[in-house]
């Protein structure tokens, strides 16, 4: 499925060619892992815009980050043992930080680990002044799950602007995807911090990635 074949919906943002090109240039620059943050004291100085990606385990977050950066080793770095329960910081050539949150909804994790992770995330979201946008990844095949709604509630309470990114859009037929987009957009109405426009992406087919890069470029 190409960008041109996505369902027509006002919920899908579009950008002018110049903004698309700005996004392409931004993400053609080097991106490097900086550090994993397990405690607030480890956070880097608030000297760059931060763009955060959040999503359930197995939603395809690492694949999406790899795809938009044009790198194959970002996910491998994030999945290094010992950093899976941390906020992973990547420096996009000095332009901004990409912050990769650990996948939530991991019911098998010990309760103390889950509690610690939740506390760290809450404090991060409520106190990080350089955080411009959180992209909440939702598997287009399944739509919202309870863990997603819990994260969105947390973002609403923290008043952090966020946008939904549907992943694995190539796994649905056009009609199914169109229905899912409407369902998600309708569900966002009651979430005050959610932006009404969403992205439908496929890391395998590169669908929607140019628009996502462009959107990020407008935040810097």
Protein backbone atom coordinates (compact mmCIF):
# COMPACT_ATOMS: atom_id res chain seq x y z
CA UNK A 1 0.00 0.00 0.00
CA UNK A 2 1.47 3.35 -0.99
CA UNK A 3 0.75 6.77 0.46
CA UNK A 4 -1.47 7.50 -2.55
CA UNK A 5 -3.58 4.43 -1.86
CA UNK A 6 -4.40 5.30 1.72
CA UNK A 7 -8.10 5.81 2.41
CA UNK A 8 -9.23 9.37 1.83
CA UNK A 9 -9.98 10.91 5.23
CA UNK A 10 -9.62 14.37 6.70
CA UNK A 11 -8.05 12.67 9.70
CA UNK A 12 -4.91 11.87 7.67
CA UNK A 13 -2.62 14.93 7.63
CA UNK A 14 -1.04 16.14 4.43
CA UNK A 15 1.93 18.45 4.00
CA UNK A 16 3.24 20.57 1.16
CA UNK A 17 6.14 19.21 -0.86
CA UNK A 18 8.55 21.63 0.80
CA UNK A 19 7.64 20.26 4.25
CA UNK A 20 7.92 16.69 3.02
CA UNK A 21 11.40 17.53 1.74
CA UNK A 22 12.32 19.15 5.07
CA UNK A 23 11.29 15.97 6.83
CA UNK A 24 13.32 13.85 4.43
CA UNK A 25 16.42 15.99 4.96
CA UNK A 26 15.99 15.96 8.73
CA UNK A 27 15.88 12.19 8.93
CA UNK A 28 18.71 11.70 6.46
CA UNK A 29 21.02 13.13 9.13
CA UNK A 30 22.95 10.88 11.54
CA UNK A 31 21.08 9.51 14.55
CA UNK A 32 22.87 7.95 17.49
CA UNK A 33 21.97 6.33 20.78
CA UNK A 34 22.81 8.64 23.70
CA UNK A 35 21.72 6.95 26.91
CA UNK A 36 19.11 4.89 28.69
CA UNK A 37 17.33 6.61 31.55
CA UNK A 38 16.15 4.58 34.53
CA UNK A 39 15.90 7.49 36.99
CA UNK A 40 14.96 11.15 36.56
CA UNK A 41 18.43 12.25 37.67
CA UNK A 42 19.84 10.59 34.55
CA UNK A 43 17.83 12.72 32.12
CA UNK A 44 19.97 14.83 29.77
CA UNK A 45 19.86 18.64 29.94
CA UNK A 46 16.68 20.18 28.51
CA UNK A 47 18.53 21.80 25.61
CA UNK A 48 16.77 20.11 22.66
CA UNK A 49 13.24 19.45 21.54
CA UNK A 50 12.14 15.94 22.48
CA UNK A 51 9.85 13.78 20.35
CA UNK A 52 8.60 10.68 22.12
CA UNK A 53 7.30 7.36 20.81
CA UNK A 54 5.11 5.16 23.00
CA UNK A 55 3.21 1.96 22.35
CA UNK A 56 2.29 -1.51 23.53
CA UNK A 57 4.81 -4.29 23.33
CA UNK A 58 4.92 -5.78 19.82
CA UNK A 59 3.12 -2.79 18.25
CA UNK A 60 6.00 -2.29 15.85
CA UNK A 61 7.59 0.72 17.56
CA UNK A 62 11.20 -0.30 16.97
CA UNK A 63 10.43 -1.08 13.33
CA UNK A 64 8.83 2.33 12.87
CA UNK A 65 11.76 4.18 14.45
CA UNK A 66 14.13 2.20 12.25
CA UNK A 67 12.06 3.03 9.19
CA UNK A 68 11.72 6.78 9.70
CA UNK A 69 15.43 7.14 10.51
CA UNK A 70 16.51 4.85 7.68
CA UNK A 71 18.55 2.79 10.09
CA UNK A 72 18.54 -0.91 10.89
CA UNK A 73 20.36 -0.82 14.21
CA UNK A 74 18.19 1.51 16.30
CA UNK A 75 15.87 -1.31 17.43
CA UNK A 76 18.86 -3.56 18.12
CA UNK A 77 20.36 -0.85 20.33
CA UNK A 78 17.07 -0.33 22.15
CA UNK A 79 16.69 -4.05 22.76
CA UNK A 80 20.08 -4.48 24.37
CA UNK A 81 19.56 -6.32 27.67
CA UNK A 82 19.45 -3.91 30.59
CA UNK A 83 17.84 -1.04 28.70
CA UNK A 84 14.42 -2.53 27.96
CA UNK A 85 12.80 -0.83 30.95
CA UNK A 86 14.36 2.57 30.36
CA UNK A 87 13.68 5.70 28.38
CA UNK A 88 16.05 5.41 25.42
CA UNK A 89 17.42 8.69 24.06
CA UNK A 90 18.60 9.09 20.47
CA UNK A 91 20.22 12.28 19.18
CA UNK A 92 19.12 13.28 15.67
CA UNK A 93 22.31 15.13 14.70
CA UNK A 94 21.75 17.80 17.34
CA UNK A 95 18.33 18.77 15.97
CA UNK A 96 16.28 16.94 18.59
CA UNK A 97 16.08 13.92 20.81
CA UNK A 98 13.96 10.93 19.84
CA UNK A 99 12.80 9.28 23.06
CA UNK A 100 11.79 5.63 22.87
CA UNK A 101 9.62 4.53 25.78
CA UNK A 102 9.64 0.84 26.72
CA UNK A 103 6.64 -1.08 25.46
CA UNK A 104 3.77 -0.98 27.90
CA UNK A 105 1.17 -3.62 28.61
CA UNK A 106 3.82 -6.16 29.63
CA UNK A 107 1.62 -8.11 32.00
CA UNK A 108 4.32 -10.71 32.65
CA UNK A 109 6.67 -8.20 34.26
CA UNK A 110 6.89 -8.20 38.07
CA UNK A 111 4.60 -5.67 39.72
CA UNK A 112 7.47 -3.73 41.29
CA UNK A 113 9.03 -3.23 37.84
CA UNK A 114 5.73 -2.09 36.36
CA UNK A 115 5.18 0.32 39.27
CA UNK A 116 8.68 1.76 38.92
CA UNK A 117 8.22 2.20 35.17
CA UNK A 118 4.86 3.92 35.62
CA UNK A 119 6.29 6.29 38.21
CA UNK A 120 9.21 7.21 35.94
CA UNK A 121 6.94 7.81 32.95
CA UNK A 122 4.52 9.94 34.95
CA UNK A 123 7.28 12.12 36.30
CA UNK A 124 8.91 12.41 32.89
CA UNK A 125 5.69 13.39 31.13
CA UNK A 126 4.64 15.91 33.76
CA UNK A 127 7.98 17.64 34.14
CA UNK A 128 9.78 17.64 30.80
CA UNK A 129 9.36 21.14 29.33
CA UNK A 130 11.18 20.26 26.09
CA UNK A 131 8.78 17.42 25.26
CA UNK A 132 6.86 18.70 22.23
CA UNK A 133 4.89 15.68 21.10
CA UNK A 134 4.21 12.06 21.98
CA UNK A 135 3.31 9.69 19.17
CA UNK A 136 1.17 6.86 20.53
CA UNK A 137 1.44 3.80 18.32
CA UNK A 138 -1.67 1.66 17.86
CA UNK A 139 -1.76 -1.64 15.96
CA UNK A 140 -4.22 -0.98 13.13
CA UNK A 141 -5.37 -4.61 13.27
CA UNK A 142 -6.61 -4.30 16.85
CA UNK A 143 -7.39 -0.64 17.56
CA UNK A 144 -7.37 0.69 21.11
CA UNK A 145 -6.60 -1.72 23.94
CA UNK A 146 -6.93 -0.99 27.65
CA UNK A 147 -3.20 -0.34 27.97
CA UNK A 148 -3.43 2.25 25.18
CA UNK A 149 -6.34 4.00 26.87
CA UNK A 150 -4.45 4.04 30.16
CA UNK A 151 -1.48 5.72 28.47
CA UNK A 152 -3.75 8.24 26.77
CA UNK A 153 -5.40 9.05 30.09
CA UNK A 154 -1.95 9.67 31.58
CA UNK A 155 -1.08 12.00 28.70
CA UNK A 156 -4.39 13.82 29.09
CA UNK A 157 -3.73 14.34 32.79
CA UNK A 158 -0.19 15.57 32.07
CA UNK A 159 -1.52 17.87 29.30
CA UNK A 160 1.07 16.56 26.86
CA UNK A 161 -0.01 16.86 23.19
CA UNK A 162 -0.07 13.50 21.45
CA UNK A 163 -0.95 11.98 18.10
CA UNK A 164 -1.95 8.45 17.24
CA UNK A 165 0.11 6.54 14.70
CA UNK A 166 -1.51 3.40 13.31
CA UNK A 167 1.10 0.74 12.57
CA UNK A 168 0.95 -2.25 10.22
CA UNK A 169 -1.61 -0.52 7.98
CA UNK A 170 -0.62 -2.81 5.12
CA UNK A 171 -2.17 -5.74 7.00
CA UNK A 172 -5.69 -4.34 6.45
CA UNK A 173 -7.71 -3.98 3.29
CA UNK A 174 -8.62 -0.44 2.28
CA UNK A 175 -12.16 -0.65 3.62
CA UNK A 176 -10.99 -2.16 6.90
CA UNK A 177 -8.37 0.54 7.35
CA UNK A 178 -10.85 3.27 6.58
CA UNK A 179 -13.19 1.86 9.24
CA UNK A 180 -10.34 1.66 11.76
CA UNK A 181 -9.29 5.26 11.09
CA UNK A 182 -12.83 6.50 11.72
CA UNK A 183 -13.10 4.40 14.87
CA UNK A 184 -9.85 5.81 16.23
CA UNK A 185 -10.63 9.41 15.32
CA UNK A 186 -14.06 9.13 16.94
CA UNK A 187 -12.45 7.70 20.06
CA UNK A 188 -10.04 10.63 20.34
CA UNK A 189 -12.81 13.20 20.73
CA UNK A 190 -13.04 12.63 24.48
CA UNK A 191 -9.28 12.97 25.00
CA UNK A 192 -8.37 16.64 25.53
CA UNK A 193 -4.63 16.31 24.82
CA UNK A 194 -5.06 14.24 21.65
CA UNK A 195 -4.64 15.88 18.26
CA UNK A 196 -7.46 14.95 15.85
CA UNK A 197 -5.21 14.01 12.94
CA UNK A 198 -3.62 10.57 12.92
CA UNK A 199 -1.12 8.70 10.78
CA UNK A 200 -1.59 5.34 9.07
CA UNK A 201 1.81 3.74 8.52
CA UNK A 202 3.53 0.60 7.41
CA UNK A 203 7.22 0.12 8.16
CA UNK A 204 7.38 -2.72 5.63
CA UNK A 205 5.81 -0.76 2.77
CA UNK A 206 7.06 2.71 3.85
CA UNK A 207 3.47 3.93 3.88
CA UNK A 208 2.85 7.23 5.67
CA UNK A 209 6.47 7.66 6.75
CA UNK A 210 7.12 10.79 4.68
CA UNK A 211 4.16 12.54 6.31
CA UNK A 212 5.29 11.48 9.77
CA UNK A 213 8.81 12.80 9.15
CA UNK A 214 7.33 16.04 7.84
CA UNK A 215 5.13 16.43 10.93
CA UNK A 216 8.13 15.99 13.21
CA UNK A 217 10.12 18.55 11.22
CA UNK A 218 7.43 21.17 11.89
CA UNK A 219 7.90 20.74 15.64
CA UNK A 220 11.56 21.77 15.68
